[in-house]
Amino acid sequence: MDDTIPREPPARHVANGMVGVGAVLVFDGKGGVVRHEPSAEEPKVPARGFKLVCGNSKAPEFKVWLKQELGEFNADLLTVPSSRSRCTVIEDRAMVVMRVARPGAEPHDIGRQLLTLWIEKGRVIIASELNILDFLGLNKWVASHHAPVTPADLVARLGLRAADRLEPLIEMLGDRLDDIEEALIVQNNTKANNRLAELRRNLISFRRIVWPQRDVLNTLEIEDLSHFTARDRLRLREASARSARLGDELQALSERAVLVHEQIIDARSEQMNRTMLILAAVTVVFMPLTLLTGALGMNVAGIPFSDNPHAFWAVCAALFVLSLGIIWWMRGRRWL
C-alpha cells in the first residue's frame, strides 16, 4: 500500500472536525471557550458563538478534510505556501494569510511562519505549522474568561499576537543602531559599515512582514462581510493601527540608518581629504627642494661651490631653512 496517498479519515472524526488538527475550540460569544475532545460528540456552537478548527497545513488527513469541507480549490488556497500576507474575500467568506515570527527568533533570522485562516459565519479554520494554542494563549483565555467573541475578534487578536512577537525584535534593532551611532561618535569607528549594512537588510525584511499585515487587516475591515459588526471592525482597526505603529518605527529606524550611513561616508571623506592634504603639503615642501638639488647636481662646468669642502652642508642647511619657510607660509594661509 502506498503510504504517500492520503487515507480517508474516520467518519466520526470528520463530523467532529478532529482530523489532523491540533484542537477544536468552541467559543460561546461571551468570552468563554471550551476545547473539544476527539472522543466527544460533535460540538454544539451557541447562536452567538463560533467554532475554531486548527490544523497542520502539511498533514495529509487535514488536507483531505479541508477538501471535503471547502472544496479542492479553497483547500489548496489554505495549504499552498505563500510568500506574502494577503486577504481574499470569496462571497461572504474571507481567507487571510499572515506571517508570524517564530518564538525565540533573532533579528537576523526571524524564521517567518505562515498563518492561514478561513473565516465564515460561525466558523474559523486555521492551517499552519504553528502551535496555535500556545500562540493564542488559550490557558489565559480560559482562566480570565476573556476569549474572542467573534471570528473578527479572533483575527484581530492574532494580528496583535503577531505584533507582540515582532516588537521586541524591532527594539533590538533600535539598540543595535544606537550602538553603531555611539561607536561612530566616541571611537570614530569606520568599520561599522558592515554592521550597518546587516541592520538595514534586517529592517527591509521586517518591513516585508509588517506593512502587508497592516494592509491585510485594513482590507478585512472594509470588506462587506455580513457577519462583521461595528465592534468587529473597530477591533480590526485597532490591530491594524498596532501594525502601522510598528511600521512607523521601522521607517524611523530606516531613516536613522540612512543618516548613520551618510555619517560613515562623511567620516571616510574627511579622512581621505586629510590624507590628500598631507600628501599635497609634502609635495609643495619638497618641490622647490627637488628643483634646487637637481640644478646643483647637473654634471656641467660652472656649478657654484663645487670645490668648497663645506658647500654640501651649507646647501643642506639652506634647504632646511627653505622647507621651514614654506611650512610657515602654508600654516599662515591655513593650508595646514
Protein backbone atom coordinates (compact mmCIF):
# COMPACT_ATOMS: atom_id res chain seq x y z
CA MET A 1 0.00 0.00 0.00
CA ASP A 2 1.37 3.38 -0.96
CA ASP A 3 1.83 5.49 2.20
CA THR A 4 2.04 8.68 0.18
CA ILE A 5 -1.71 8.51 -0.68
CA PRO A 6 -3.74 10.37 1.97
CA ARG A 7 -6.07 7.98 3.79
CA GLU A 8 -9.71 8.79 4.35
CA PRO A 9 -10.25 9.90 7.96
CA PRO A 10 -12.87 8.12 10.10
CA ALA A 11 -16.42 9.40 9.60
CA ARG A 12 -16.77 10.31 13.29
CA HIS A 13 -13.62 12.42 13.18
CA VAL A 14 -14.82 14.13 10.04
CA ALA A 15 -18.10 15.02 11.71
CA ASN A 16 -16.32 16.40 14.76
CA GLY A 17 -13.65 18.19 12.78
CA MET A 18 -10.91 16.25 14.57
CA VAL A 19 -8.75 15.16 11.64
CA GLY A 20 -5.10 16.11 11.56
CA VAL A 21 -5.85 19.05 13.83
CA GLY A 22 -4.26 20.40 16.95
CA ALA A 23 -7.58 21.29 18.56
CA VAL A 24 -11.17 22.28 18.04
CA LEU A 25 -12.31 25.18 20.22
CA VAL A 26 -15.87 26.33 20.75
CA PHE A 27 -16.39 29.99 21.70
CA ASP A 28 -19.69 30.94 23.33
CA GLY A 29 -19.60 34.59 22.16
CA LYS A 30 -19.50 35.84 25.75
CA GLY A 31 -15.79 35.42 26.49
CA GLY A 32 -15.87 31.72 27.27
CA VAL A 33 -14.09 28.95 25.35
CA VAL A 34 -14.18 25.16 25.58
CA ARG A 35 -11.73 22.76 23.99
CA HIS A 36 -13.48 19.91 22.19
CA GLU A 37 -12.14 16.42 22.83
CA PRO A 38 -11.85 13.85 20.00
CA SER A 39 -13.95 11.26 21.86
CA ALA A 40 -16.86 13.62 22.50
CA GLU A 41 -19.92 14.16 20.37
CA GLU A 42 -19.99 16.80 17.67
CA PRO A 43 -19.72 20.17 19.43
CA LYS A 44 -22.76 22.40 19.55
CA VAL A 45 -21.95 26.02 18.74
CA PRO A 46 -24.02 28.66 20.55
CA ALA A 47 -26.05 31.04 18.44
CA ARG A 48 -23.74 33.95 19.28
CA GLY A 49 -20.57 31.86 19.26
CA PHE A 50 -18.31 30.21 16.70
CA LYS A 51 -16.03 27.22 16.26
CA LEU A 52 -12.28 27.29 15.64
CA VAL A 53 -10.60 24.35 13.90
CA CYS A 54 -6.79 24.33 13.99
CA GLY A 55 -4.83 22.05 11.70
CA ASN A 56 -1.33 21.37 10.43
CA SER A 57 -1.12 22.64 6.87
CA LYS A 58 1.13 19.72 5.88
CA ALA A 59 -0.90 16.92 7.48
CA PRO A 60 -2.40 14.68 4.74
CA GLU A 61 -5.56 13.91 6.75
CA PHE A 62 -6.17 17.57 7.38
CA LYS A 63 -5.85 18.31 3.66
CA VAL A 64 -8.45 15.63 2.89
CA TRP A 65 -10.80 17.09 5.49
CA LEU A 66 -10.35 20.58 4.05
CA LYS A 67 -11.23 19.37 0.56
CA GLN A 68 -14.38 17.73 1.89
CA GLU A 69 -15.41 20.84 3.82
CA LEU A 70 -14.34 23.68 1.49
CA GLY A 71 -13.75 22.12 -1.89
CA GLU A 72 -10.48 21.40 -3.63
CA PHE A 73 -9.84 24.97 -4.81
CA ASN A 74 -10.38 26.63 -1.44
CA ALA A 75 -8.48 23.87 0.35
CA ASP A 76 -5.48 24.45 -1.89
CA LEU A 77 -5.63 28.17 -1.10
CA LEU A 78 -5.29 27.34 2.61
CA THR A 79 -2.44 24.83 2.34
CA VAL A 80 -0.28 26.14 -0.51
CA PRO A 81 2.72 28.10 0.89
CA SER A 82 2.53 31.84 0.28
CA SER A 83 5.34 34.38 0.21
CA ARG A 84 3.27 37.43 1.21
CA SER A 85 0.43 38.29 3.54
CA ARG A 86 -2.89 38.86 1.83
CA CYS A 87 -6.66 38.94 2.30
CA THR A 88 -9.03 37.38 -0.25
CA VAL A 89 -12.82 37.67 0.02
CA ILE A 90 -14.94 34.95 -1.60
CA GLU A 91 -18.65 35.78 -1.42
CA ASP A 92 -19.40 36.09 2.32
CA ARG A 93 -16.19 34.35 3.40
CA ALA A 94 -12.61 35.51 3.64
CA MET A 95 -9.18 33.91 3.51
CA VAL A 96 -6.38 35.67 5.40
CA VAL A 97 -2.67 34.88 5.20
CA MET A 98 -0.34 36.36 7.83
CA ARG A 99 3.34 35.80 8.53
CA VAL A 100 4.46 35.38 12.12
CA ALA A 101 7.95 35.37 13.64
CA ARG A 102 8.84 32.09 15.30
CA PRO A 103 9.39 32.05 19.09
CA GLY A 104 12.90 32.97 20.24
CA ALA A 105 13.81 34.41 16.86
CA GLU A 106 16.72 36.79 16.33
CA PRO A 107 16.53 39.94 14.20
CA HIS A 108 18.89 38.44 11.61
CA ASP A 109 16.87 35.20 11.43
CA ILE A 110 13.23 35.80 12.29
CA GLY A 111 12.10 32.48 10.79
CA ARG A 112 8.81 33.60 9.29
CA GLN A 113 5.94 31.12 9.67
CA LEU A 114 2.66 31.21 7.79
CA LEU A 115 -0.72 31.51 9.45
CA THR A 116 -3.63 30.91 7.06
CA LEU A 117 -7.23 31.48 8.15
CA TRP A 118 -10.59 30.68 6.59
CA ILE A 119 -13.29 32.93 8.05
CA GLU A 120 -17.02 32.38 7.67
CA LYS A 121 -20.11 32.84 9.77
CA GLY A 122 -19.85 30.65 12.87
CA ARG A 123 -16.52 29.02 11.98
CA VAL A 124 -12.81 29.79 11.59
CA ILE A 125 -10.29 27.31 10.18
CA ILE A 126 -6.57 27.83 10.74
CA ALA A 127 -3.98 25.95 8.68
CA SER A 128 -0.46 26.45 9.99
CA GLU A 129 2.59 24.67 11.36
CA LEU A 130 2.49 26.92 14.41
CA ASN A 131 1.40 25.72 17.83
CA ILE A 132 -1.83 27.69 17.63
CA LEU A 133 -2.92 27.09 21.23
CA ASP A 134 0.33 28.49 22.62
CA PHE A 135 0.28 31.32 20.14
CA LEU A 136 -3.27 32.30 21.13
CA GLY A 137 -2.68 31.90 24.87
CA LEU A 138 -5.62 29.55 25.40
CA ASN A 139 -4.93 28.93 29.10
CA LYS A 140 -5.14 32.65 29.85
CA TRP A 141 -8.45 32.90 28.00
CA VAL A 142 -9.91 30.03 29.98
CA ALA A 143 -8.71 31.47 33.30
CA SER A 144 -9.81 35.04 32.62
CA HIS A 145 -12.99 34.24 30.66
CA HIS A 146 -11.86 36.82 28.12
CA ALA A 147 -11.75 34.83 24.88
CA PRO A 148 -12.68 36.33 21.49
CA VAL A 149 -16.41 36.75 20.98
CA THR A 150 -16.48 36.78 17.16
CA PRO A 151 -14.29 35.49 14.31
CA ALA A 152 -13.18 39.06 13.54
CA ASP A 153 -12.18 39.49 17.18
CA LEU A 154 -10.09 36.32 16.88
CA VAL A 155 -8.35 37.64 13.74
CA ALA A 156 -7.64 40.97 15.45
CA ARG A 157 -6.06 39.18 18.41
CA LEU A 158 -3.96 37.06 16.09
CA GLY A 159 -2.72 40.25 14.48
CA LEU A 160 -1.87 41.66 17.91
CA ARG A 161 -0.05 38.45 18.89
CA ALA A 162 1.99 38.64 15.69
CA ALA A 163 2.86 42.26 16.51
CA ASP A 164 3.82 41.25 20.06
CA ARG A 165 6.42 38.85 18.68
CA LEU A 166 7.86 41.47 16.35
CA GLU A 167 8.02 44.39 18.79
CA PRO A 168 10.96 43.15 20.95
CA LEU A 169 12.91 42.28 17.79
CA ILE A 170 12.38 45.80 16.46
CA GLU A 171 13.58 47.19 19.80
CA MET A 172 16.73 45.06 19.47
CA LEU A 173 17.34 46.57 16.04
CA GLY A 174 16.98 50.04 17.55
CA ASP A 175 19.52 49.18 20.27
CA ARG A 176 21.98 47.92 17.67
CA LEU A 177 21.60 51.11 15.69
CA ASP A 178 22.27 53.11 18.88
CA ASP A 179 25.46 51.10 19.43
CA ILE A 180 26.63 51.83 15.90
CA GLU A 181 25.96 55.55 16.31
CA GLU A 182 27.82 55.62 19.63
CA ALA A 183 30.79 53.81 18.11
CA LEU A 184 30.96 56.40 15.34
CA ILE A 185 30.74 59.36 17.72
CA VAL A 186 33.04 58.10 20.50
CA GLN A 187 35.53 55.94 18.65
CA ASN A 188 35.07 57.21 15.08
CA ASN A 189 34.86 53.56 14.07
CA THR A 190 34.56 53.43 10.30
CA LYS A 191 34.33 49.62 10.39
CA ALA A 192 30.71 49.97 11.48
CA ASN A 193 29.64 49.96 7.83
CA ASN A 194 29.33 46.14 7.73
CA ARG A 195 27.19 46.10 10.87
CA LEU A 196 25.04 48.88 9.47
CA ALA A 197 24.56 47.05 6.17
CA GLU A 198 23.35 43.93 8.02
CA LEU A 199 20.98 46.02 10.12
CA ARG A 200 19.50 47.68 7.04
CA ARG A 201 18.90 44.25 5.48
CA ASN A 202 17.08 43.21 8.65
CA LEU A 203 14.93 46.34 8.51
CA ILE A 204 13.92 45.56 4.94
CA SER A 205 12.99 42.01 5.97
CA PHE A 206 10.85 43.28 8.85
CA ARG A 207 9.08 45.81 6.65
CA ARG A 208 8.09 42.99 4.30
CA ILE A 209 6.21 41.44 7.22
CA VAL A 210 4.67 44.45 8.95
CA TRP A 211 3.30 46.55 6.08
CA PRO A 212 1.47 43.70 4.26
CA GLN A 213 -0.05 42.59 7.56
CA ARG A 214 -1.38 46.08 8.14
CA ASP A 215 -2.93 46.04 4.67
CA VAL A 216 -4.50 42.63 5.37
CA LEU A 217 -6.26 43.90 8.49
CA ASN A 218 -7.34 47.09 6.72
CA THR A 219 -8.77 45.09 3.81
CA LEU A 220 -10.65 42.76 6.12
CA GLU A 221 -12.08 45.74 8.00
CA ILE A 222 -13.51 47.50 4.94
CA GLU A 223 -14.87 44.38 3.21
CA ASP A 224 -18.66 44.00 3.29
CA LEU A 225 -18.96 40.74 5.24
CA SER A 226 -22.45 40.30 6.66
CA HIS A 227 -21.37 38.67 9.93
CA PHE A 228 -18.97 41.52 10.85
CA THR A 229 -20.36 44.04 13.32
CA ALA A 230 -19.24 47.59 14.04
CA ARG A 231 -17.35 46.29 17.08
CA ASP A 232 -15.56 43.74 14.89
CA ARG A 233 -14.41 46.45 12.51
CA LEU A 234 -13.23 48.57 15.43
CA ARG A 235 -11.15 45.66 16.77
CA LEU A 236 -9.62 45.08 13.33
CA ARG A 237 -8.85 48.78 13.07
CA GLU A 238 -7.05 48.66 16.43
CA ALA A 239 -4.96 45.68 15.33
CA SER A 240 -4.17 47.42 12.06
CA ALA A 241 -3.10 50.55 13.96
CA ARG A 242 -0.71 48.43 16.03
CA SER A 243 0.90 47.04 12.89
CA ALA A 244 1.02 50.55 11.42
CA ARG A 245 2.83 51.81 14.53
CA LEU A 246 5.44 49.07 14.17
CA GLY A 247 5.78 50.03 10.53
CA ASP A 248 6.34 53.66 11.51
CA GLU A 249 9.04 52.58 13.95
CA LEU A 250 10.72 50.57 11.19
CA GLN A 251 10.51 53.57 8.87
CA ALA A 252 12.09 55.80 11.52
CA LEU A 253 14.88 53.26 12.06
CA SER A 254 15.44 53.08 8.30
CA GLU A 255 15.76 56.87 8.09
CA ARG A 256 18.19 56.87 11.03
CA ALA A 257 20.20 54.11 9.36
CA VAL A 258 20.44 56.24 6.21
CA LEU A 259 21.72 59.18 8.29
CA VAL A 260 24.28 56.94 10.01
CA HIS A 261 25.39 55.64 6.60
CA GLU A 262 25.85 59.22 5.42
CA GLN A 263 27.83 59.92 8.59
CA ILE A 264 30.12 57.00 7.82
CA ILE A 265 30.61 58.29 4.27
CA ASP A 266 31.36 61.78 5.61
CA ALA A 267 33.91 60.35 8.06
CA ARG A 268 35.63 58.46 5.26
CA SER A 269 35.60 61.52 3.02
CA GLU A 270 37.08 63.63 5.80
CA GLN A 271 39.80 61.09 6.40
CA MET A 272 40.54 60.95 2.65
CA ASN A 273 40.67 64.75 2.44
CA ARG A 274 43.04 64.89 5.40
CA THR A 275 45.30 62.31 3.77
CA MET A 276 45.29 64.15 0.43
CA LEU A 277 46.07 67.42 2.23
CA ILE A 278 49.12 65.87 3.89
CA LEU A 279 50.33 64.44 0.59
CA ALA A 280 49.82 67.80 -1.13
CA ALA A 281 51.72 69.59 1.66
CA VAL A 282 54.63 67.18 1.34
CA THR A 283 54.65 67.73 -2.41
CA VAL A 284 54.68 71.54 -2.04
CA VAL A 285 57.51 71.39 0.51
CA PHE A 286 59.74 69.07 -1.47
CA MET A 287 59.11 70.50 -4.95
CA PRO A 288 61.45 73.52 -4.62
CA LEU A 289 63.98 71.40 -2.75
CA THR A 290 63.97 68.89 -5.56
CA LEU A 291 64.39 71.70 -8.10
CA LEU A 292 67.45 73.12 -6.30
CA THR A 293 69.13 69.77 -5.68
CA GLY A 294 68.50 68.80 -9.31
CA ALA A 295 70.08 72.03 -10.54
CA LEU A 296 73.13 71.64 -8.30
CA GLY A 297 73.52 68.03 -9.33
CA MET A 298 73.99 68.74 -13.08
CA ASN A 299 77.20 67.31 -14.48
CA VAL A 300 78.36 70.52 -16.21
CA ALA A 301 81.11 73.06 -15.58
CA GLY A 302 80.39 76.21 -13.56
CA ILE A 303 78.47 74.66 -10.63
CA PRO A 304 78.88 77.12 -7.69
CA PHE A 305 80.96 75.97 -4.71
CA SER A 306 81.90 72.76 -6.45
CA ASP A 307 85.43 72.91 -4.97
CA ASN A 308 84.39 74.10 -1.48
CA PRO A 309 84.60 71.25 1.11
CA HIS A 310 81.83 72.87 3.24
CA ALA A 311 79.43 73.51 0.35
CA PHE A 312 77.39 70.30 0.90
CA TRP A 313 76.48 71.13 4.49
CA ALA A 314 75.79 74.74 3.57
CA VAL A 315 73.37 73.64 0.84
CA CYS A 316 71.65 71.20 3.27
CA ALA A 317 71.20 73.97 5.83
CA ALA A 318 69.77 76.29 3.17
CA LEU A 319 67.32 73.64 2.04
CA PHE A 320 66.26 73.03 5.65
CA VAL A 321 65.64 76.72 6.21
CA LEU A 322 63.73 76.92 2.92
CA SER A 323 61.48 73.99 3.90
CA LEU A 324 60.73 75.60 7.26
CA GLY A 325 59.86 78.83 5.47
CA ILE A 326 57.45 77.02 3.14
CA ILE A 327 55.75 75.23 6.05
CA TRP A 328 55.41 78.55 7.94
CA TRP A 329 53.92 80.18 4.85
CA MET A 330 51.40 77.35 4.38
CA ARG A 331 50.32 77.48 8.03
CA GLY A 332 49.89 81.24 7.73
CA ARG A 333 47.42 80.67 4.89
CA ARG A 334 45.66 77.92 6.93
CA TRP A 335 46.57 75.19 4.46
CA LEU A 336 47.94 73.07 7.30
